Amino acid sequence: MIGTVIGSCDFRMKGWINRLAVDPTYRGRGIAKELVTRMEKTLKERGVVVIAALIELPNPASINLFKKLGYTVHDSIVYVTKRESDEV
């Protein structure tokens, strides 16, 4: 597998790009851009009007990709987790 994208939408018609990954060997070839673009198309076809993604820091490549695709960075979101094990 070269890359993958997983998306979802909720009852408010907000879309999410839940997961985006490209094999390091294939990065820099526009694959992530194509995956996001296709997911956006799929979500819009389902009536989604807002699309969001959460990016764990540090990840400047992902942040720059989403900025180039017209996304706005917000620093008003709090990310919380609950871990059952430190091994994850």
PDB file of N, CA and C in Angstrom:
ATOM      1  N   MET A   1       0.843  -1.174   0.000  1.00  0.00           N
ATOM      2  CA  MET A   1       0.000   0.000   0.000  1.00  0.00           C
ATOM      3  C   MET A   1       0.893   1.243   0.000  1.00  0.00           C
ATOM      4  N   ILE A   2       0.548   2.189  -0.851  1.00  0.00           N
ATOM      5  CA  ILE A   2       1.320   3.428  -0.970  1.00  0.00           C
ATOM      6  C   ILE A   2       0.790   4.502  -0.033  1.00  0.00           C
ATOM      7  N   GLY A   3      -0.541   4.604   0.070  1.00  0.00           N
ATOM      8  CA  GLY A   3      -1.142   5.621   0.921  1.00  0.00           C
ATOM      9  C   GLY A   3      -2.580   5.291   1.242  1.00  0.00           C
ATOM     10  N   THR A   4      -3.111   5.972   2.246  1.00  0.00           N
ATOM     11  CA  THR A   4      -4.494   5.748   2.648  1.00  0.00           C
ATOM     12  C   THR A   4      -5.086   7.029   3.221  1.00  0.00           C
ATOM     13  N   VAL A   5      -6.381   7.165   3.059  1.00  0.00           N
ATOM     14  CA  VAL A   5      -7.116   8.260   3.682  1.00  0.00           C
ATOM     15  C   VAL A   5      -8.429   7.687   4.192  1.00  0.00           C
ATOM     16  N   ILE A   6      -8.818   8.105   5.384  1.00  0.00           N
ATOM     17  CA  ILE A   6     -10.088   7.686   5.970  1.00  0.00           C
ATOM     18  C   ILE A   6     -10.851   8.948   6.336  1.00  0.00           C
ATOM     19  N   GLY A   7     -12.090   9.016   5.909  1.00  0.00           N
ATOM     20  CA  GLY A   7     -12.922  10.173   6.208  1.00  0.00           C
ATOM     21  C   GLY A   7     -14.254   9.756   6.790  1.00  0.00           C
ATOM     22  N   SER A   8     -14.934  10.713   7.400  1.00  0.00           N
ATOM     23  CA  SER A   8     -16.260  10.460   7.968  1.00  0.00           C
ATOM     24  C   SER A   8     -17.029  11.777   7.992  1.00  0.00           C
ATOM     25  N   CYS A   9     -18.333  11.677   8.235  1.00  0.00           N
ATOM     26  CA  CYS A   9     -19.126  12.889   8.424  1.00  0.00           C
ATOM     27  C   CYS A   9     -20.135  12.643   9.535  1.00  0.00           C
ATOM     28  N   ASP A  10     -20.540  13.732  10.191  1.00  0.00           N
ATOM     29  CA  ASP A  10     -21.479  13.601  11.301  1.00  0.00           C
ATOM     30  C   ASP A  10     -22.839  14.168  10.910  1.00  0.00           C
ATOM     31  N   PHE A  11     -23.764  14.135  11.831  1.00  0.00           N
ATOM     32  CA  PHE A  11     -25.136  14.559  11.562  1.00  0.00           C
ATOM     33  C   PHE A  11     -25.253  16.051  11.244  1.00  0.00           C
ATOM     34  N   ARG A  12     -24.241  16.849  11.601  1.00  0.00           N
ATOM     35  CA  ARG A  12     -24.251  18.287  11.298  1.00  0.00           C
ATOM     36  C   ARG A  12     -23.682  18.565   9.911  1.00  0.00           C
ATOM     37  N   MET A  13     -23.390  17.508   9.182  1.00  0.00           N
ATOM     38  CA  MET A  13     -22.782  17.588   7.855  1.00  0.00           C
ATOM     39  C   MET A  13     -21.389  18.210   7.908  1.00  0.00           C
ATOM     40  N   LYS A  14     -20.681  17.891   8.983  1.00  0.00           N
ATOM     41  CA  LYS A  14     -19.278  18.266   9.094  1.00  0.00           C
ATOM     42  C   LYS A  14     -18.459  17.034   8.734  1.00  0.00           C
ATOM     43  N   GLY A  15     -17.520  17.211   7.817  1.00  0.00           N
ATOM     44  CA  GLY A  15     -16.676  16.103   7.395  1.00  0.00           C
ATOM     45  C   GLY A  15     -15.343  16.115   8.116  1.00  0.00           C
ATOM     46  N   TRP A  16     -14.789  14.938   8.262  1.00  0.00           N
ATOM     47  CA  TRP A  16     -13.497  14.786   8.933  1.00  0.00           C
ATOM     48  C   TRP A  16     -12.559  13.956   8.071  1.00  0.00           C
ATOM     49  N   ILE A  17     -11.337  14.397   7.969  1.00  0.00           N
ATOM     50  CA  ILE A  17     -10.287  13.550   7.428  1.00  0.00           C
ATOM     51  C   ILE A  17      -9.622  12.964   8.661  1.00  0.00           C
ATOM     52  N   ASN A  18     -10.006  11.720   8.952  1.00  0.00           N
ATOM     53  CA  ASN A  18      -9.596  11.078  10.196  1.00  0.00           C
ATOM     54  C   ASN A  18      -8.176  10.531  10.152  1.00  0.00           C
ATOM     55  N   ARG A  19      -7.750  10.117   8.974  1.00  0.00           N
ATOM     56  CA  ARG A  19      -6.428   9.506   8.864  1.00  0.00           C
ATOM     57  C   ARG A  19      -5.896   9.746   7.462  1.00  0.00           C
ATOM     58  N   LEU A  20      -4.652  10.157   7.385  1.00  0.00           N
ATOM     59  CA  LEU A  20      -3.969  10.343   6.109  1.00  0.00           C
ATOM     60  C   LEU A  20      -2.546   9.843   6.292  1.00  0.00           C
ATOM     61  N   ALA A  21      -2.140   8.911   5.458  1.00  0.00           N
ATOM     62  CA  ALA A  21      -0.787   8.365   5.576  1.00  0.00           C
ATOM     63  C   ALA A  21      -0.264   7.994   4.192  1.00  0.00           C
ATOM     64  N   VAL A  22       1.014   8.275   3.974  1.00  0.00           N
ATOM     65  CA  VAL A  22       1.689   7.894   2.738  1.00  0.00           C
ATOM     66  C   VAL A  22       3.006   7.230   3.123  1.00  0.00           C
ATOM     67  N   ASP A  23       3.292   6.105   2.505  1.00  0.00           N
ATOM     68  CA  ASP A  23       4.557   5.398   2.734  1.00  0.00           C
ATOM     69  C   ASP A  23       5.704   6.382   2.501  1.00  0.00           C
ATOM     70  N   PRO A  24       6.657   6.461   3.436  1.00  0.00           N
ATOM     71  CA  PRO A  24       7.767   7.417   3.303  1.00  0.00           C
ATOM     72  C   PRO A  24       8.505   7.329   1.967  1.00  0.00           C
ATOM     73  N   THR A  25       8.571   6.146   1.391  1.00  0.00           N
ATOM     74  CA  THR A  25       9.245   5.964   0.105  1.00  0.00           C
ATOM     75  C   THR A  25       8.575   6.761  -1.010  1.00  0.00           C
ATOM     76  N   TYR A  26       7.269   7.017  -0.874  1.00  0.00           N
ATOM     77  CA  TYR A  26       6.495   7.659  -1.929  1.00  0.00           C
ATOM     78  C   TYR A  26       6.121   9.111  -1.622  1.00  0.00           C
ATOM     79  N   ARG A  27       6.600   9.646  -0.522  1.00  0.00           N
ATOM     80  CA  ARG A  27       6.255  11.025  -0.168  1.00  0.00           C
ATOM     81  C   ARG A  27       6.891  12.015  -1.137  1.00  0.00           C
ATOM     82  N   GLY A  28       6.251  13.173  -1.255  1.00  0.00           N
ATOM     83  CA  GLY A  28       6.766  14.207  -2.143  1.00  0.00           C
ATOM     84  C   GLY A  28       6.338  14.051  -3.589  1.00  0.00           C
ATOM     85  N   ARG A  29       5.405  13.143  -3.849  1.00  0.00           N
ATOM     86  CA  ARG A  29       4.946  12.890  -5.223  1.00  0.00           C
ATOM     87  C   ARG A  29       3.500  13.331  -5.454  1.00  0.00           C
ATOM     88  N   GLY A  30       2.921  14.048  -4.490  1.00  0.00           N
ATOM     89  CA  GLY A  30       1.550  14.526  -4.654  1.00  0.00           C
ATOM     90  C   GLY A  30       0.480  13.524  -4.270  1.00  0.00           C
ATOM     91  N   ILE A  31       0.883  12.410  -3.674  1.00  0.00           N
ATOM     92  CA  ILE A  31      -0.081  11.360  -3.323  1.00  0.00           C
ATOM     93  C   ILE A  31      -1.016  11.826  -2.214  1.00  0.00           C
ATOM     94  N   ALA A  32      -0.483  12.449  -1.180  1.00  0.00           N
ATOM     95  CA  ALA A  32      -1.331  12.934  -0.079  1.00  0.00           C
ATOM     96  C   ALA A  32      -2.328  13.967  -0.596  1.00  0.00           C
ATOM     97  N   LYS A  33      -1.881  14.852  -1.460  1.00  0.00           N
ATOM     98  CA  LYS A  33      -2.771  15.864  -2.043  1.00  0.00           C
ATOM     99  C   LYS A  33      -3.908  15.195  -2.806  1.00  0.00           C
ATOM    100  N   GLU A  34      -3.590  14.192  -3.591  1.00  0.00           N
ATOM    101  CA  GLU A  34      -4.616  13.477  -4.360  1.00  0.00           C
ATOM    102  C   GLU A  34      -5.592  12.750  -3.437  1.00  0.00           C
ATOM    103  N   LEU A  35      -5.084  12.132  -2.381  1.00  0.00           N
ATOM    104  CA  LEU A  35      -5.957  11.433  -1.429  1.00  0.00           C
ATOM    105  C   LEU A  35      -6.917  12.404  -0.746  1.00  0.00           C
ATOM    106  N   VAL A  36      -6.400  13.541  -0.301  1.00  0.00           N
ATOM    107  CA  VAL A  36      -7.255  14.537   0.360  1.00  0.00           C
ATOM    108  C   VAL A  36      -8.281  15.079  -0.626  1.00  0.00           C
ATOM    109  N   THR A  37      -7.852  15.387  -1.831  1.00  0.00           N
ATOM    110  CA  THR A  37      -8.761  15.928  -2.848  1.00  0.00           C
ATOM    111  C   THR A  37      -9.898  14.952  -3.153  1.00  0.00           C
ATOM    112  N   ARG A  38      -9.576  13.681  -3.265  1.00  0.00           N
ATOM    113  CA  ARG A  38     -10.616  12.677  -3.528  1.00  0.00           C
ATOM    114  C   ARG A  38     -11.565  12.532  -2.342  1.00  0.00           C
ATOM    115  N   MET A  39     -11.025  12.593  -1.122  1.00  0.00           N
ATOM    116  CA  MET A  39     -11.889  12.496   0.057  1.00  0.00           C
ATOM    117  C   MET A  39     -12.795  13.719   0.142  1.00  0.00           C
ATOM    118  N   GLU A  40     -12.260  14.892  -0.149  1.00  0.00           N
ATOM    119  CA  GLU A  40     -13.089  16.100  -0.165  1.00  0.00           C
ATOM    120  C   GLU A  40     -14.252  15.937  -1.145  1.00  0.00           C
ATOM    121  N   LYS A  41     -13.972  15.424  -2.323  1.00  0.00           N
ATOM    122  CA  LYS A  41     -15.010  15.219  -3.339  1.00  0.00           C
ATOM    123  C   LYS A  41     -16.084  14.268  -2.815  1.00  0.00           C
ATOM    124  N   THR A  42     -15.664  13.175  -2.210  1.00  0.00           N
ATOM    125  CA  THR A  42     -16.612  12.198  -1.664  1.00  0.00           C
ATOM    126  C   THR A  42     -17.475  12.824  -0.577  1.00  0.00           C
ATOM    127  N   LEU A  43     -16.856  13.568   0.332  1.00  0.00           N
ATOM    128  CA  LEU A  43     -17.609  14.201   1.418  1.00  0.00           C
ATOM    129  C   LEU A  43     -18.589  15.243   0.879  1.00  0.00           C
ATOM    130  N   LYS A  44     -18.151  16.044  -0.068  1.00  0.00           N
ATOM    131  CA  LYS A  44     -19.034  17.066  -0.649  1.00  0.00           C
ATOM    132  C   LYS A  44     -20.220  16.429  -1.367  1.00  0.00           C
ATOM    133  N   GLU A  45     -20.000  15.288  -2.018  1.00  0.00           N
ATOM    134  CA  GLU A  45     -21.094  14.575  -2.691  1.00  0.00           C
ATOM    135  C   GLU A  45     -22.155  14.111  -1.695  1.00  0.00           C
ATOM    136  N   ARG A  46     -21.759  13.973  -0.440  1.00  0.00           N
ATOM    137  CA  ARG A  46     -22.682  13.554   0.614  1.00  0.00           C
ATOM    138  C   ARG A  46     -23.293  14.743   1.354  1.00  0.00           C
ATOM    139  N   GLY A  47     -23.038  15.948   0.862  1.00  0.00           N
ATOM    140  CA  GLY A  47     -23.656  17.132   1.437  1.00  0.00           C
ATOM    141  C   GLY A  47     -22.853  17.842   2.502  1.00  0.00           C
ATOM    142  N   VAL A  48     -21.633  17.416   2.731  1.00  0.00           N
ATOM    143  CA  VAL A  48     -20.781  18.047   3.741  1.00  0.00           C
ATOM    144  C   VAL A  48     -20.419  19.460   3.293  1.00  0.00           C
ATOM    145  N   VAL A  49     -20.486  20.408   4.229  1.00  0.00           N
ATOM    146  CA  VAL A  49     -20.171  21.806   3.912  1.00  0.00           C
ATOM    147  C   VAL A  49     -18.927  22.320   4.638  1.00  0.00           C
ATOM    148  N   VAL A  50     -18.465  21.596   5.648  1.00  0.00           N
ATOM    149  CA  VAL A  50     -17.237  21.947   6.370  1.00  0.00           C
ATOM    150  C   VAL A  50     -16.416  20.673   6.512  1.00  0.00           C
ATOM    151  N   ILE A  51     -15.130  20.756   6.202  1.00  0.00           N
ATOM    152  CA  ILE A  51     -14.237  19.602   6.346  1.00  0.00           C
ATOM    153  C   ILE A  51     -13.102  20.003   7.281  1.00  0.00           C
ATOM    154  N   ALA A  52     -12.787  19.126   8.223  1.00  0.00           N
ATOM    155  CA  ALA A  52     -11.735  19.398   9.204  1.00  0.00           C
ATOM    156  C   ALA A  52     -10.796  18.201   9.315  1.00  0.00           C
ATOM    157  N   ALA A  53      -9.613  18.465   9.822  1.00  0.00           N
ATOM    158  CA  ALA A  53      -8.634  17.418  10.098  1.00  0.00           C
ATOM    159  C   ALA A  53      -7.859  17.815  11.344  1.00  0.00           C
ATOM    160  N   LEU A  54      -7.512  16.845  12.155  1.00  0.00           N
ATOM    161  CA  LEU A  54      -6.651  17.080  13.314  1.00  0.00           C
ATOM    162  C   LEU A  54      -5.261  16.561  12.973  1.00  0.00           C
ATOM    163  N   ILE A  55      -4.241  17.355  13.256  1.00  0.00           N
ATOM    164  CA  ILE A  55      -2.861  16.987  12.947  1.00  0.00           C
ATOM    165  C   ILE A  55      -2.060  17.029  14.236  1.00  0.00           C
ATOM    166  N   GLU A  56      -1.447  15.903  14.575  1.00  0.00           N
ATOM    167  CA  GLU A  56      -0.602  15.867  15.773  1.00  0.00           C
ATOM    168  C   GLU A  56       0.739  16.523  15.467  1.00  0.00           C
ATOM    169  N   LEU A  57       1.200  17.348  16.396  1.00  0.00           N
ATOM    170  CA  LEU A  57       2.481  18.039  16.242  1.00  0.00           C
ATOM    171  C   LEU A  57       3.626  17.169  16.724  1.00  0.00           C
ATOM    172  N   PRO A  58       4.805  17.337  16.191  1.00  0.00           N
ATOM    173  CA  PRO A  58       5.151  18.215  15.083  1.00  0.00           C
ATOM    174  C   PRO A  58       4.902  17.503  13.750  1.00  0.00           C
ATOM    175  N   ASN A  59       4.312  18.177  12.829  1.00  0.00           N
ATOM    176  CA  ASN A  59       4.056  17.611  11.505  1.00  0.00           C
ATOM    177  C   ASN A  59       3.917  18.747  10.482  1.00  0.00           C
ATOM    178  N   PRO A  60       5.010  19.470  10.242  1.00  0.00           N
ATOM    179  CA  PRO A  60       4.940  20.616   9.334  1.00  0.00           C
ATOM    180  C   PRO A  60       4.525  20.239   7.914  1.00  0.00           C
ATOM    181  N   ALA A  61       4.867  19.047   7.457  1.00  0.00           N
ATOM    182  CA  ALA A  61       4.497  18.642   6.094  1.00  0.00           C
ATOM    183  C   ALA A  61       2.981  18.569   5.946  1.00  0.00           C
ATOM    184  N   SER A  62       2.304  17.974   6.923  1.00  0.00           N
ATOM    185  CA  SER A  62       0.841  17.878   6.855  1.00  0.00           C
ATOM    186  C   SER A  62       0.194  19.252   6.984  1.00  0.00           C
ATOM    187  N   ILE A  63       0.701  20.056   7.892  1.00  0.00           N
ATOM    188  CA  ILE A  63       0.148  21.403   8.065  1.00  0.00           C
ATOM    189  C   ILE A  63       0.275  22.190   6.763  1.00  0.00           C
ATOM    190  N   ASN A  64       1.442  22.132   6.137  1.00  0.00           N
ATOM    191  CA  ASN A  64       1.651  22.855   4.879  1.00  0.00           C
ATOM    192  C   ASN A  64       0.750  22.321   3.770  1.00  0.00           C
ATOM    193  N   LEU A  65       0.568  21.006   3.711  1.00  0.00           N
ATOM    194  CA  LEU A  65      -0.316  20.417   2.706  1.00  0.00           C
ATOM    195  C   LEU A  65      -1.728  20.969   2.845  1.00  0.00           C
ATOM    196  N   PHE A  66      -2.268  20.923   4.056  1.00  0.00           N
ATOM    197  CA  PHE A  66      -3.637  21.387   4.258  1.00  0.00           C
ATOM    198  C   PHE A  66      -3.762  22.890   4.005  1.00  0.00           C
ATOM    199  N   LYS A  67      -2.751  23.666   4.382  1.00  0.00           N
ATOM    200  CA  LYS A  67      -2.777  25.106   4.083  1.00  0.00           C
ATOM    201  C   LYS A  67      -2.835  25.341   2.574  1.00  0.00           C
ATOM    202  N   LYS A  68      -2.010  24.603   1.821  1.00  0.00           N
ATOM    203  CA  LYS A  68      -1.999  24.745   0.362  1.00  0.00           C
ATOM    204  C   LYS A  68      -3.340  24.364  -0.251  1.00  0.00           C
ATOM    205  N   LEU A  69      -4.076  23.487   0.409  1.00  0.00           N
ATOM    206  CA  LEU A  69      -5.383  23.055  -0.084  1.00  0.00           C
ATOM    207  C   LEU A  69      -6.514  23.961   0.401  1.00  0.00           C
ATOM    208  N   GLY A  70      -6.150  25.064   1.092  1.00  0.00           N
ATOM    209  CA  GLY A  70      -7.152  26.053   1.484  1.00  0.00           C
ATOM    210  C   GLY A  70      -7.682  25.938   2.899  1.00  0.00           C
ATOM    211  N   TYR A  71      -7.099  25.066   3.700  1.00  0.00           N
ATOM    212  CA  TYR A  71      -7.548  24.908   5.084  1.00  0.00           C
ATOM    213  C   TYR A  71      -6.946  26.006   5.954  1.00  0.00           C
ATOM    214  N   THR A  72      -7.646  26.354   7.022  1.00  0.00           N
ATOM    215  CA  THR A  72      -7.200  27.351   7.982  1.00  0.00           C
ATOM    216  C   THR A  72      -6.756  26.647   9.258  1.00  0.00           C
ATOM    217  N   VAL A  73      -5.604  27.036   9.783  1.00  0.00           N
ATOM    218  CA  VAL A  73      -5.106  26.466  11.036  1.00  0.00           C
ATOM    219  C   VAL A  73      -5.770  27.193  12.199  1.00  0.00           C
ATOM    220  N   HIS A  74      -6.323  26.432  13.128  1.00  0.00           N
ATOM    221  CA  HIS A  74      -6.947  26.985  14.330  1.00  0.00           C
ATOM    222  C   HIS A  74      -6.161  26.500  15.544  1.00  0.00           C
ATOM    223  N   ASP A  75      -5.879  27.390  16.454  1.00  0.00           N
ATOM    224  CA  ASP A  75      -5.190  26.972  17.673  1.00  0.00           C
ATOM    225  C   ASP A  75      -6.116  27.060  18.876  1.00  0.00           C
ATOM    226  N   SER A  76      -7.407  26.966  18.619  1.00  0.00           N
ATOM    227  CA  SER A  76      -8.389  27.044  19.704  1.00  0.00           C
ATOM    228  C   SER A  76      -9.027  25.687  19.995  1.00  0.00           C
ATOM    229  N   ILE A  77      -8.377  24.615  19.558  1.00  0.00           N
ATOM    230  CA  ILE A  77      -8.926  23.277  19.760  1.00  0.00           C
ATOM    231  C   ILE A  77      -8.067  22.545  20.783  1.00  0.00           C
ATOM    232  N   VAL A  78      -8.709  21.872  21.695  1.00  0.00           N
ATOM    233  CA  VAL A  78      -8.006  21.083  22.704  1.00  0.00           C
ATOM    234  C   VAL A  78      -8.129  19.612  22.317  1.00  0.00           C
ATOM    235  N   TYR A  79      -7.012  18.925  22.272  1.00  0.00           N
ATOM    236  CA  TYR A  79      -6.956  17.510  21.918  1.00  0.00           C
ATOM    237  C   TYR A  79      -6.761  16.720  23.204  1.00  0.00           C
ATOM    238  N   VAL A  80      -7.665  15.812  23.496  1.00  0.00           N
ATOM    239  CA  VAL A  80      -7.557  15.014  24.716  1.00  0.00           C
ATOM    240  C   VAL A  80      -7.491  13.538  24.350  1.00  0.00           C
ATOM    241  N   THR A  81      -6.778  12.767  25.169  1.00  0.00           N
ATOM    242  CA  THR A  81      -6.687  11.322  24.972  1.00  0.00           C
ATOM    243  C   THR A  81      -6.813  10.618  26.309  1.00  0.00           C
ATOM    244  N   LYS A  82      -7.135   9.360  26.251  1.00  0.00           N
ATOM    245  CA  LYS A  82      -7.150   8.504  27.428  1.00  0.00           C
ATOM    246  C   LYS A  82      -6.446   7.218  27.039  1.00  0.00           C
ATOM    247  N   ARG A  83      -5.350   6.938  27.695  1.00  0.00           N
ATOM    248  CA  ARG A  83      -4.553   5.763  27.350  1.00  0.00           C
ATOM    249  C   ARG A  83      -4.707   4.679  28.408  1.00  0.00           C
ATOM    250  N   GLU A  84      -4.939   3.498  27.935  1.00  0.00           N
ATOM    251  CA  GLU A  84      -5.005   2.342  28.827  1.00  0.00           C
ATOM    252  C   GLU A  84      -3.621   1.726  29.007  1.00  0.00           C
ATOM    253  N   SER A  85      -2.687   2.117  28.131  1.00  0.00           N
ATOM    254  CA  SER A  85      -1.338   1.582  28.181  1.00  0.00           C
ATOM    255  C   SER A  85      -0.380   2.611  27.603  1.00  0.00           C
ATOM    256  N   ASP A  86       0.820   2.686  28.143  1.00  0.00           N
ATOM    257  CA  ASP A  86       1.836   3.585  27.613  1.00  0.00           C
ATOM    258  C   ASP A  86       2.488   3.022  26.353  1.00  0.00           C
ATOM    259  N   GLU A  87       2.185   1.768  26.011  1.00  0.00           N
ATOM    260  CA  GLU A  87       2.779   1.116  24.848  1.00  0.00           C
ATOM    261  C   GLU A  87       2.144   1.561  23.539  1.00  0.00           C
ATOM    262  N   VAL A  88       1.029   2.251  23.601  1.00  0.00           N
ATOM    263  CA  VAL A  88       0.319   2.667  22.386  1.00  0.00           C
ATOM    264  C   VAL A  88       0.751   4.059  21.989  1.00  0.00           C
TER     265      VAL A  88
END
